[in-house]
N, C-alpha and C. Protein backbone atom coordinates (compact mmCIF):
# COMPACT_ATOMS: atom_id res chain seq x y z
N MET A 1 -21.08 -16.14 -28.17
CA MET A 1 -20.38 -14.87 -28.21
C MET A 1 -19.54 -14.80 -29.48
N ASP A 2 -19.51 -13.65 -30.07
CA ASP A 2 -18.78 -13.44 -31.32
C ASP A 2 -18.02 -12.12 -31.20
N ALA A 3 -16.71 -12.20 -31.11
CA ALA A 3 -15.88 -11.01 -30.90
C ALA A 3 -15.89 -10.06 -32.09
N THR A 4 -16.45 -10.49 -33.22
CA THR A 4 -16.50 -9.61 -34.40
C THR A 4 -17.77 -8.76 -34.45
N LYS A 5 -18.71 -9.02 -33.53
CA LYS A 5 -19.98 -8.31 -33.51
C LYS A 5 -20.20 -7.68 -32.14
N PRO A 6 -20.93 -6.57 -32.10
CA PRO A 6 -21.33 -6.07 -30.78
C PRO A 6 -22.33 -7.05 -30.15
N ALA A 7 -22.39 -7.07 -28.83
CA ALA A 7 -23.26 -8.01 -28.11
C ALA A 7 -24.71 -7.90 -28.56
N ARG A 8 -25.14 -6.72 -28.98
CA ARG A 8 -26.54 -6.54 -29.40
C ARG A 8 -26.88 -7.34 -30.65
N GLU A 9 -25.88 -7.88 -31.34
CA GLU A 9 -26.12 -8.68 -32.54
C GLU A 9 -25.93 -10.17 -32.32
N TRP A 10 -25.59 -10.58 -31.11
CA TRP A 10 -25.36 -12.00 -30.83
C TRP A 10 -26.66 -12.78 -30.86
N ASP A 11 -26.56 -14.02 -31.33
CA ASP A 11 -27.71 -14.92 -31.36
C ASP A 11 -27.79 -15.69 -30.05
N LEU A 12 -28.95 -16.26 -29.80
CA LEU A 12 -29.17 -17.07 -28.61
C LEU A 12 -28.57 -18.46 -28.84
N ALA A 13 -27.75 -18.92 -27.92
CA ALA A 13 -27.14 -20.24 -28.01
C ALA A 13 -28.13 -21.31 -27.54
N PHE A 14 -27.75 -22.57 -27.73
CA PHE A 14 -28.60 -23.70 -27.33
C PHE A 14 -28.98 -23.60 -25.85
N GLU A 15 -28.03 -23.31 -24.99
CA GLU A 15 -28.30 -23.20 -23.55
C GLU A 15 -29.31 -22.08 -23.30
N GLY A 16 -29.20 -20.99 -24.03
CA GLY A 16 -30.16 -19.90 -23.90
C GLY A 16 -31.56 -20.31 -24.31
N GLU A 17 -31.66 -21.15 -25.33
CA GLU A 17 -32.98 -21.64 -25.74
C GLU A 17 -33.59 -22.52 -24.65
N ARG A 18 -32.78 -23.33 -24.02
CA ARG A 18 -33.24 -24.17 -22.91
C ARG A 18 -33.72 -23.29 -21.75
N GLN A 19 -32.96 -22.25 -21.45
CA GLN A 19 -33.33 -21.33 -20.37
C GLN A 19 -34.60 -20.57 -20.72
N ALA A 20 -34.80 -20.24 -21.99
CA ALA A 20 -36.01 -19.53 -22.41
C ALA A 20 -37.25 -20.39 -22.19
N LYS A 21 -37.15 -21.69 -22.41
CA LYS A 21 -38.28 -22.59 -22.15
C LYS A 21 -38.60 -22.60 -20.66
N ARG A 22 -37.56 -22.62 -19.83
CA ARG A 22 -37.77 -22.56 -18.37
C ARG A 22 -38.41 -21.23 -18.00
N LEU A 23 -37.96 -20.15 -18.62
CA LEU A 23 -38.54 -18.83 -18.35
C LEU A 23 -40.03 -18.82 -18.69
N GLY A 24 -40.38 -19.41 -19.82
CA GLY A 24 -41.79 -19.49 -20.19
C GLY A 24 -42.62 -20.20 -19.13
N ALA A 25 -42.09 -21.30 -18.60
CA ALA A 25 -42.79 -22.03 -17.55
C ALA A 25 -42.92 -21.18 -16.29
N LEU A 26 -41.86 -20.44 -15.93
CA LEU A 26 -41.90 -19.60 -14.74
C LEU A 26 -42.88 -18.44 -14.89
N LEU A 27 -43.05 -17.96 -16.12
CA LEU A 27 -43.95 -16.82 -16.37
C LEU A 27 -45.41 -17.23 -16.52
N ARG A 28 -45.68 -18.51 -16.56
CA ARG A 28 -47.06 -18.99 -16.78
C ARG A 28 -48.04 -18.42 -15.75
N ARG A 29 -47.60 -18.15 -14.55
CA ARG A 29 -48.50 -17.63 -13.52
C ARG A 29 -49.00 -16.21 -13.83
N PHE A 30 -48.41 -15.54 -14.82
CA PHE A 30 -48.80 -14.17 -15.16
C PHE A 30 -49.73 -14.08 -16.37
N VAL A 31 -50.17 -15.20 -16.91
CA VAL A 31 -51.07 -15.20 -18.05
C VAL A 31 -52.48 -14.94 -17.53
N PRO A 32 -53.37 -14.16 -18.13
CA PRO A 32 -53.20 -13.58 -19.45
C PRO A 32 -52.28 -12.36 -19.41
N CYS A 33 -51.49 -12.27 -20.44
CA CYS A 33 -50.52 -11.17 -20.49
C CYS A 33 -50.24 -10.77 -21.93
N ARG A 34 -49.54 -9.69 -22.02
CA ARG A 34 -49.03 -9.18 -23.30
C ARG A 34 -47.52 -9.21 -23.20
N LEU A 35 -46.84 -9.61 -24.28
CA LEU A 35 -45.39 -9.72 -24.27
C LEU A 35 -44.79 -8.73 -25.26
N VAL A 36 -43.84 -7.92 -24.77
CA VAL A 36 -43.07 -7.03 -25.62
C VAL A 36 -41.60 -7.37 -25.44
N THR A 37 -40.81 -7.11 -26.49
CA THR A 37 -39.42 -7.53 -26.45
C THR A 37 -38.49 -6.53 -27.12
N SER A 38 -37.26 -6.57 -26.66
CA SER A 38 -36.18 -5.88 -27.34
C SER A 38 -36.01 -6.50 -28.72
N PRO A 39 -35.58 -5.71 -29.71
CA PRO A 39 -35.35 -6.27 -31.04
C PRO A 39 -34.03 -7.02 -31.18
N GLU A 40 -33.18 -6.98 -30.16
CA GLU A 40 -31.88 -7.64 -30.25
C GLU A 40 -32.09 -9.15 -30.37
N PRO A 41 -31.28 -9.85 -31.20
CA PRO A 41 -31.53 -11.26 -31.52
C PRO A 41 -31.71 -12.19 -30.31
N LYS A 42 -30.89 -12.05 -29.27
CA LYS A 42 -31.05 -12.94 -28.11
C LYS A 42 -32.39 -12.73 -27.42
N ALA A 43 -32.77 -11.48 -27.23
CA ALA A 43 -34.05 -11.19 -26.58
C ALA A 43 -35.22 -11.60 -27.47
N LEU A 44 -35.11 -11.32 -28.76
CA LEU A 44 -36.19 -11.67 -29.69
C LEU A 44 -36.39 -13.19 -29.72
N ARG A 45 -35.31 -13.96 -29.81
CA ARG A 45 -35.44 -15.42 -29.83
C ARG A 45 -36.00 -15.93 -28.50
N THR A 46 -35.52 -15.35 -27.39
CA THR A 46 -36.07 -15.72 -26.08
C THR A 46 -37.57 -15.48 -26.06
N SER A 47 -37.99 -14.32 -26.57
CA SER A 47 -39.41 -13.96 -26.59
C SER A 47 -40.23 -14.90 -27.46
N GLN A 48 -39.67 -15.31 -28.58
CA GLN A 48 -40.37 -16.24 -29.45
C GLN A 48 -40.62 -17.57 -28.72
N ILE A 49 -39.64 -18.03 -28.00
CA ILE A 49 -39.78 -19.29 -27.24
C ILE A 49 -40.80 -19.10 -26.11
N VAL A 50 -40.66 -18.01 -25.35
CA VAL A 50 -41.58 -17.74 -24.24
C VAL A 50 -43.01 -17.59 -24.76
N ALA A 51 -43.19 -16.83 -25.82
CA ALA A 51 -44.53 -16.64 -26.39
C ALA A 51 -45.12 -17.98 -26.82
N GLY A 52 -44.29 -18.83 -27.40
CA GLY A 52 -44.75 -20.17 -27.79
C GLY A 52 -45.16 -20.99 -26.58
N GLU A 53 -44.39 -20.92 -25.52
CA GLU A 53 -44.71 -21.65 -24.28
C GLU A 53 -46.02 -21.15 -23.67
N LEU A 54 -46.27 -19.86 -23.77
CA LEU A 54 -47.45 -19.26 -23.15
C LEU A 54 -48.64 -19.18 -24.10
N GLY A 55 -48.41 -19.41 -25.39
CA GLY A 55 -49.49 -19.34 -26.37
C GLY A 55 -49.98 -17.92 -26.60
N ILE A 56 -49.05 -16.95 -26.61
CA ILE A 56 -49.39 -15.55 -26.82
C ILE A 56 -48.53 -14.98 -27.94
N SER A 57 -48.91 -13.81 -28.42
CA SER A 57 -48.11 -13.14 -29.45
C SER A 57 -47.12 -12.20 -28.77
N LEU A 58 -46.23 -11.64 -29.57
CA LEU A 58 -45.25 -10.70 -29.03
C LEU A 58 -45.14 -9.51 -29.96
N THR A 59 -44.65 -8.40 -29.38
CA THR A 59 -44.43 -7.17 -30.11
C THR A 59 -42.99 -6.72 -29.85
N THR A 60 -42.29 -6.32 -30.90
CA THR A 60 -40.93 -5.81 -30.77
C THR A 60 -40.98 -4.31 -30.54
N VAL A 61 -40.19 -3.84 -29.55
CA VAL A 61 -40.16 -2.43 -29.19
C VAL A 61 -38.70 -1.97 -29.14
N ASP A 62 -38.34 -1.06 -30.02
CA ASP A 62 -36.95 -0.61 -30.13
C ASP A 62 -36.40 -0.04 -28.82
N GLY A 63 -37.19 0.68 -28.07
CA GLY A 63 -36.72 1.31 -26.84
C GLY A 63 -36.33 0.34 -25.74
N LEU A 64 -36.60 -0.95 -25.93
CA LEU A 64 -36.28 -1.96 -24.92
C LEU A 64 -34.89 -2.57 -25.10
N ARG A 65 -34.13 -2.08 -26.07
CA ARG A 65 -32.80 -2.65 -26.31
C ARG A 65 -31.86 -2.34 -25.14
N GLU A 66 -30.75 -3.04 -25.10
CA GLU A 66 -29.74 -2.86 -24.05
C GLU A 66 -29.01 -1.54 -24.23
N ILE A 67 -28.31 -1.11 -23.19
CA ILE A 67 -27.47 0.08 -23.28
C ILE A 67 -26.51 -0.10 -24.45
N ASP A 68 -26.29 0.96 -25.19
CA ASP A 68 -25.45 0.91 -26.38
C ASP A 68 -24.03 0.47 -26.03
N ARG A 69 -23.56 -0.55 -26.74
CA ARG A 69 -22.19 -1.05 -26.54
C ARG A 69 -21.59 -1.36 -27.91
N PRO A 70 -20.38 -0.91 -28.15
CA PRO A 70 -19.72 -1.22 -29.42
C PRO A 70 -19.16 -2.65 -29.40
N VAL A 71 -18.48 -3.02 -30.47
CA VAL A 71 -17.78 -4.30 -30.49
C VAL A 71 -16.71 -4.26 -29.40
N LEU A 72 -16.73 -5.22 -28.52
CA LEU A 72 -15.73 -5.34 -27.46
C LEU A 72 -15.08 -6.69 -27.56
N PRO A 73 -13.86 -6.82 -27.10
CA PRO A 73 -13.24 -8.15 -27.09
C PRO A 73 -13.97 -9.04 -26.09
N ILE A 74 -13.94 -10.34 -26.35
CA ILE A 74 -14.50 -11.27 -25.37
C ILE A 74 -13.62 -11.17 -24.13
N MET A 75 -14.26 -10.99 -22.97
CA MET A 75 -13.50 -10.78 -21.74
C MET A 75 -13.98 -11.75 -20.67
N SER A 76 -13.18 -11.87 -19.64
CA SER A 76 -13.54 -12.73 -18.53
C SER A 76 -14.76 -12.16 -17.81
N SER A 77 -15.41 -13.00 -17.03
CA SER A 77 -16.56 -12.54 -16.25
C SER A 77 -16.15 -11.42 -15.31
N ARG A 78 -14.98 -11.55 -14.74
CA ARG A 78 -14.49 -10.53 -13.80
C ARG A 78 -14.29 -9.18 -14.49
N GLU A 79 -13.70 -9.20 -15.67
CA GLU A 79 -13.47 -7.96 -16.42
C GLU A 79 -14.80 -7.36 -16.88
N HIS A 80 -15.71 -8.21 -17.32
CA HIS A 80 -17.04 -7.75 -17.73
C HIS A 80 -17.75 -7.09 -16.55
N GLU A 81 -17.66 -7.70 -15.38
CA GLU A 81 -18.28 -7.13 -14.18
C GLU A 81 -17.64 -5.79 -13.83
N ARG A 82 -16.34 -5.69 -13.93
CA ARG A 82 -15.64 -4.45 -13.62
C ARG A 82 -16.08 -3.33 -14.56
N LEU A 83 -16.19 -3.64 -15.83
CA LEU A 83 -16.62 -2.66 -16.81
C LEU A 83 -18.07 -2.21 -16.54
N ASN A 84 -18.93 -3.17 -16.24
CA ASN A 84 -20.32 -2.80 -15.96
C ASN A 84 -20.45 -2.00 -14.68
N ALA A 85 -19.60 -2.24 -13.70
CA ALA A 85 -19.64 -1.46 -12.46
C ALA A 85 -19.45 0.03 -12.78
N ARG A 86 -18.59 0.33 -13.73
CA ARG A 86 -18.37 1.73 -14.12
C ARG A 86 -19.62 2.36 -14.71
N ILE A 87 -20.41 1.58 -15.45
CA ILE A 87 -21.65 2.11 -16.01
C ILE A 87 -22.56 2.61 -14.89
N PHE A 88 -22.68 1.82 -13.84
CA PHE A 88 -23.57 2.17 -12.74
C PHE A 88 -22.99 3.26 -11.84
N MET A 89 -21.68 3.33 -11.72
CA MET A 89 -21.04 4.33 -10.86
C MET A 89 -20.93 5.69 -11.55
N GLU A 90 -20.68 5.69 -12.85
CA GLU A 90 -20.51 6.94 -13.61
C GLU A 90 -21.77 7.14 -14.46
N PHE A 91 -22.86 7.39 -13.77
CA PHE A 91 -24.20 7.36 -14.33
C PHE A 91 -24.41 8.27 -15.53
N ASP A 92 -23.77 9.41 -15.53
CA ASP A 92 -23.98 10.38 -16.62
C ASP A 92 -22.88 10.36 -17.68
N ARG A 93 -21.97 9.44 -17.58
CA ARG A 93 -20.85 9.36 -18.52
C ARG A 93 -21.07 8.22 -19.50
N ARG A 94 -20.76 8.44 -20.74
CA ARG A 94 -20.86 7.39 -21.76
C ARG A 94 -19.62 6.51 -21.65
N ILE A 95 -19.76 5.41 -20.95
CA ILE A 95 -18.63 4.53 -20.63
C ILE A 95 -18.18 3.72 -21.84
N MET A 96 -19.10 3.12 -22.57
CA MET A 96 -18.71 2.22 -23.65
C MET A 96 -19.23 2.60 -25.02
N GLY A 97 -20.38 3.19 -25.08
CA GLY A 97 -21.00 3.43 -26.37
C GLY A 97 -21.53 4.83 -26.50
N ARG A 98 -22.65 4.97 -27.17
CA ARG A 98 -23.21 6.29 -27.47
C ARG A 98 -24.22 6.79 -26.44
N GLU A 99 -24.42 6.03 -25.35
CA GLU A 99 -25.35 6.53 -24.33
C GLU A 99 -24.85 6.21 -22.93
N SER A 100 -25.18 7.12 -22.03
CA SER A 100 -24.84 6.93 -20.62
C SER A 100 -25.90 6.05 -19.96
N ALA A 101 -25.64 5.65 -18.73
CA ALA A 101 -26.64 4.88 -17.98
C ALA A 101 -27.93 5.69 -17.84
N ARG A 102 -27.80 6.97 -17.56
CA ARG A 102 -28.99 7.81 -17.41
C ARG A 102 -29.78 7.87 -18.73
N GLU A 103 -29.09 8.03 -19.84
CA GLU A 103 -29.78 8.07 -21.13
C GLU A 103 -30.48 6.75 -21.43
N ALA A 104 -29.81 5.63 -21.15
CA ALA A 104 -30.41 4.31 -21.36
C ALA A 104 -31.61 4.11 -20.43
N GLN A 105 -31.46 4.54 -19.18
CA GLN A 105 -32.54 4.43 -18.20
C GLN A 105 -33.77 5.21 -18.67
N THR A 106 -33.55 6.41 -19.15
CA THR A 106 -34.66 7.25 -19.62
C THR A 106 -35.33 6.62 -20.83
N ARG A 107 -34.55 6.19 -21.80
CA ARG A 107 -35.11 5.55 -23.02
C ARG A 107 -35.94 4.33 -22.65
N PHE A 108 -35.40 3.48 -21.79
CA PHE A 108 -36.08 2.25 -21.39
C PHE A 108 -37.35 2.56 -20.61
N ALA A 109 -37.27 3.51 -19.68
CA ALA A 109 -38.45 3.88 -18.88
C ALA A 109 -39.57 4.42 -19.75
N VAL A 110 -39.24 5.25 -20.73
CA VAL A 110 -40.26 5.79 -21.65
C VAL A 110 -40.91 4.63 -22.42
N ALA A 111 -40.11 3.68 -22.89
CA ALA A 111 -40.66 2.53 -23.62
C ALA A 111 -41.59 1.72 -22.73
N ILE A 112 -41.20 1.49 -21.48
CA ILE A 112 -42.04 0.73 -20.54
C ILE A 112 -43.35 1.46 -20.29
N GLU A 113 -43.28 2.75 -19.99
CA GLU A 113 -44.49 3.54 -19.72
C GLU A 113 -45.42 3.55 -20.93
N THR A 114 -44.86 3.66 -22.13
CA THR A 114 -45.66 3.65 -23.36
C THR A 114 -46.37 2.31 -23.51
N GLU A 115 -45.64 1.22 -23.29
CA GLU A 115 -46.24 -0.10 -23.45
C GLU A 115 -47.26 -0.40 -22.36
N LEU A 116 -47.02 0.08 -21.15
CA LEU A 116 -48.02 -0.09 -20.08
C LEU A 116 -49.32 0.62 -20.45
N ALA A 117 -49.20 1.80 -21.03
CA ALA A 117 -50.38 2.56 -21.43
C ALA A 117 -51.16 1.84 -22.54
N ARG A 118 -50.48 1.06 -23.35
CA ARG A 118 -51.12 0.32 -24.46
C ARG A 118 -51.67 -1.03 -24.03
N THR A 119 -51.40 -1.43 -22.79
CA THR A 119 -51.70 -2.78 -22.35
C THR A 119 -53.03 -2.85 -21.61
N GLU A 120 -53.95 -3.63 -22.14
CA GLU A 120 -55.24 -3.85 -21.49
C GLU A 120 -55.23 -5.13 -20.67
N GLU A 121 -54.30 -6.03 -20.97
CA GLU A 121 -54.22 -7.30 -20.25
C GLU A 121 -53.79 -7.06 -18.80
N ALA A 122 -53.95 -8.08 -17.98
CA ALA A 122 -53.62 -7.96 -16.56
C ALA A 122 -52.12 -7.74 -16.33
N ASN A 123 -51.30 -8.31 -17.19
CA ASN A 123 -49.85 -8.23 -16.99
C ASN A 123 -49.12 -7.95 -18.29
N LEU A 124 -48.06 -7.16 -18.18
CA LEU A 124 -47.16 -6.91 -19.31
C LEU A 124 -45.86 -7.64 -19.02
N VAL A 125 -45.46 -8.52 -19.92
CA VAL A 125 -44.18 -9.21 -19.81
C VAL A 125 -43.22 -8.52 -20.76
N VAL A 126 -42.07 -8.12 -20.24
CA VAL A 126 -41.05 -7.43 -21.03
C VAL A 126 -39.80 -8.30 -21.06
N VAL A 127 -39.35 -8.67 -22.24
CA VAL A 127 -38.10 -9.41 -22.37
C VAL A 127 -37.07 -8.40 -22.84
N ALA A 128 -36.08 -8.17 -21.98
CA ALA A 128 -35.08 -7.14 -22.28
C ALA A 128 -33.72 -7.60 -21.75
N HIS A 129 -32.97 -6.70 -21.16
CA HIS A 129 -31.57 -6.94 -20.83
C HIS A 129 -31.25 -6.46 -19.42
N GLY A 130 -30.29 -7.14 -18.80
CA GLY A 130 -29.97 -6.92 -17.40
C GLY A 130 -29.61 -5.50 -17.02
N THR A 131 -28.83 -4.82 -17.83
CA THR A 131 -28.40 -3.48 -17.46
C THR A 131 -29.57 -2.52 -17.42
N VAL A 132 -30.37 -2.48 -18.48
CA VAL A 132 -31.49 -1.53 -18.52
C VAL A 132 -32.58 -1.91 -17.53
N ILE A 133 -32.78 -3.18 -17.31
CA ILE A 133 -33.76 -3.60 -16.29
C ILE A 133 -33.30 -3.12 -14.92
N SER A 134 -32.03 -3.31 -14.61
CA SER A 134 -31.49 -2.88 -13.31
C SER A 134 -31.59 -1.37 -13.15
N LEU A 135 -31.33 -0.64 -14.21
CA LEU A 135 -31.45 0.82 -14.16
C LEU A 135 -32.89 1.24 -13.89
N LEU A 136 -33.86 0.60 -14.54
CA LEU A 136 -35.27 0.94 -14.32
C LEU A 136 -35.69 0.64 -12.89
N VAL A 137 -35.36 -0.54 -12.40
CA VAL A 137 -35.77 -0.92 -11.05
C VAL A 137 -35.17 0.04 -10.03
N SER A 138 -33.91 0.40 -10.20
CA SER A 138 -33.26 1.31 -9.24
C SER A 138 -33.87 2.71 -9.27
N GLN A 139 -34.47 3.07 -10.39
CA GLN A 139 -35.13 4.37 -10.52
C GLN A 139 -36.37 4.45 -9.62
N HIS A 140 -37.00 3.32 -9.36
CA HIS A 140 -38.26 3.29 -8.62
C HIS A 140 -38.14 2.69 -7.22
N ASP A 141 -37.02 2.07 -6.92
CA ASP A 141 -36.83 1.41 -5.63
C ASP A 141 -35.43 1.71 -5.10
N ASN A 142 -35.30 1.60 -3.80
CA ASN A 142 -34.00 1.80 -3.16
C ASN A 142 -33.21 0.51 -3.27
N ILE A 143 -32.68 0.25 -4.47
CA ILE A 143 -31.92 -0.96 -4.72
C ILE A 143 -30.69 -0.58 -5.55
N ASP A 144 -29.57 -1.17 -5.23
CA ASP A 144 -28.32 -0.91 -5.94
C ASP A 144 -28.41 -1.56 -7.33
N PRO A 145 -28.36 -0.78 -8.41
CA PRO A 145 -28.52 -1.36 -9.74
C PRO A 145 -27.41 -2.35 -10.10
N PHE A 146 -26.20 -2.10 -9.63
CA PHE A 146 -25.11 -3.01 -9.94
C PHE A 146 -25.31 -4.36 -9.25
N GLU A 147 -25.75 -4.34 -8.00
CA GLU A 147 -26.01 -5.60 -7.28
C GLU A 147 -27.16 -6.37 -7.93
N LEU A 148 -28.20 -5.65 -8.36
CA LEU A 148 -29.30 -6.32 -9.06
C LEU A 148 -28.80 -6.89 -10.37
N TRP A 149 -28.02 -6.14 -11.13
CA TRP A 149 -27.48 -6.62 -12.41
C TRP A 149 -26.70 -7.92 -12.20
N LYS A 150 -25.89 -7.99 -11.16
CA LYS A 150 -25.11 -9.21 -10.88
C LYS A 150 -26.02 -10.38 -10.55
N ARG A 151 -27.14 -10.09 -9.96
CA ARG A 151 -28.06 -11.16 -9.54
C ARG A 151 -28.90 -11.71 -10.70
N LEU A 152 -29.15 -10.90 -11.70
CA LEU A 152 -30.04 -11.30 -12.79
C LEU A 152 -29.34 -12.26 -13.75
N GLN A 153 -29.36 -13.51 -13.43
CA GLN A 153 -28.81 -14.56 -14.29
C GLN A 153 -29.98 -15.24 -15.01
N CYS A 154 -29.78 -15.63 -16.25
CA CYS A 154 -30.85 -16.28 -17.00
C CYS A 154 -31.26 -17.58 -16.32
N PRO A 155 -32.52 -17.86 -16.18
CA PRO A 155 -33.71 -17.14 -16.63
C PRO A 155 -34.34 -16.31 -15.51
N SER A 156 -33.70 -15.27 -15.08
CA SER A 156 -34.21 -14.40 -14.02
C SER A 156 -35.22 -13.40 -14.54
N PHE A 157 -36.03 -12.89 -13.63
CA PHE A 157 -36.90 -11.77 -13.96
C PHE A 157 -37.29 -11.03 -12.69
N VAL A 158 -37.75 -9.81 -12.89
CA VAL A 158 -38.27 -9.01 -11.79
C VAL A 158 -39.77 -8.85 -12.01
N VAL A 159 -40.50 -8.76 -10.91
CA VAL A 159 -41.93 -8.49 -10.96
C VAL A 159 -42.13 -7.11 -10.35
N LEU A 160 -42.77 -6.25 -11.12
CA LEU A 160 -43.03 -4.88 -10.68
C LEU A 160 -44.53 -4.62 -10.64
N GLU A 161 -44.95 -3.75 -9.73
CA GLU A 161 -46.32 -3.27 -9.76
C GLU A 161 -46.49 -2.42 -11.01
N LYS A 162 -47.69 -2.35 -11.55
CA LYS A 162 -47.89 -1.51 -12.73
C LYS A 162 -47.65 -0.05 -12.42
N ALA A 163 -48.07 0.41 -11.27
CA ALA A 163 -47.81 1.79 -10.87
C ALA A 163 -47.56 1.78 -9.38
N PRO A 164 -46.50 2.31 -8.94
CA PRO A 164 -45.48 3.13 -9.59
C PRO A 164 -44.24 2.34 -9.99
N LEU A 165 -44.40 1.14 -10.50
CA LEU A 165 -43.31 0.25 -10.88
C LEU A 165 -42.45 -0.17 -9.69
N GLY A 166 -43.09 -0.32 -8.54
CA GLY A 166 -42.39 -0.78 -7.35
C GLY A 166 -42.04 -2.26 -7.46
N LEU A 167 -40.89 -2.62 -6.94
CA LEU A 167 -40.42 -4.00 -6.99
C LEU A 167 -41.23 -4.88 -6.04
N VAL A 168 -41.79 -5.96 -6.58
CA VAL A 168 -42.55 -6.93 -5.80
C VAL A 168 -41.66 -8.12 -5.47
N GLU A 169 -40.97 -8.65 -6.48
CA GLU A 169 -40.08 -9.78 -6.24
C GLU A 169 -39.05 -9.92 -7.36
N ILE A 170 -37.99 -10.62 -7.02
CA ILE A 170 -36.96 -11.01 -7.98
C ILE A 170 -37.00 -12.53 -8.05
N VAL A 171 -37.13 -13.06 -9.25
CA VAL A 171 -37.13 -14.51 -9.43
C VAL A 171 -35.86 -14.86 -10.18
N ASP A 172 -35.03 -15.68 -9.56
CA ASP A 172 -33.79 -16.10 -10.22
C ASP A 172 -33.61 -17.60 -10.09
N GLY A 173 -32.54 -18.11 -10.62
CA GLY A 173 -32.27 -19.54 -10.62
C GLY A 173 -32.05 -20.14 -9.24
N ARG A 174 -31.75 -19.32 -8.25
CA ARG A 174 -31.45 -19.82 -6.91
C ARG A 174 -32.62 -19.75 -5.97
N ALA A 175 -33.38 -18.63 -6.00
CA ALA A 175 -34.46 -18.45 -5.02
C ALA A 175 -35.38 -17.33 -5.47
N THR A 176 -36.47 -17.15 -4.77
CA THR A 176 -37.38 -16.04 -4.99
C THR A 176 -37.34 -15.16 -3.75
N SER A 177 -37.21 -13.87 -3.96
CA SER A 177 -37.17 -12.92 -2.85
C SER A 177 -38.39 -12.02 -2.92
N GLN A 178 -39.17 -12.00 -1.86
CA GLN A 178 -40.30 -11.09 -1.78
C GLN A 178 -39.83 -9.76 -1.26
N PHE A 179 -40.21 -8.66 -1.88
CA PHE A 179 -39.81 -7.33 -1.43
C PHE A 179 -40.96 -6.61 -0.75
N GLN A 180 -42.18 -6.82 -1.20
CA GLN A 180 -43.32 -6.14 -0.57
C GLN A 180 -44.59 -6.86 -0.99
N GLU A 181 -45.67 -6.54 -0.30
CA GLU A 181 -46.96 -7.08 -0.66
C GLU A 181 -47.44 -6.37 -1.92
N GLY A 182 -48.26 -7.02 -2.69
CA GLY A 182 -48.82 -6.35 -3.85
C GLY A 182 -48.82 -7.26 -5.06
N GLY A 183 -49.53 -6.82 -6.09
CA GLY A 183 -49.64 -7.61 -7.30
C GLY A 183 -48.78 -7.06 -8.41
N ALA A 184 -48.69 -7.81 -9.48
CA ALA A 184 -47.89 -7.40 -10.61
C ALA A 184 -48.69 -6.53 -11.54
């Protein structure tokens, strides 16, 4: 973390690189696949490690970036959680940056739909960020986006059906939760 830069410019730390290798191993069951990533440094580096673990290439997609956030002071986990709760509760208000949760959700959903349309492989792997992932999942399933955001700890991921992007499972560091029958 670097208090002089917005979070979207932070690099992946050593622990994040270790977690990215674990993520690659967890994602192995979805190969053959195509990997797309947010251009933000942490996501891009994670994707490079995951792609290396899986032996696949990756594509950077601008629309997969996290919700816009300016430079913020480094804050406690509790304060960070409180601030993020406002993003999910005040869906149409620009809480921290230049876009609201709804605007970020729409941007991210359009990027996902575009990449799904371009994907011939069996699975599309998207490396992105907890807030926008939670917003997308809540758009298609009856799930509280804030609760999902709190649950998505690295190296977590969600598995969605290709259409209509219904939630199949959440894979996190503690356990795997099945939500419904179906494939990714």
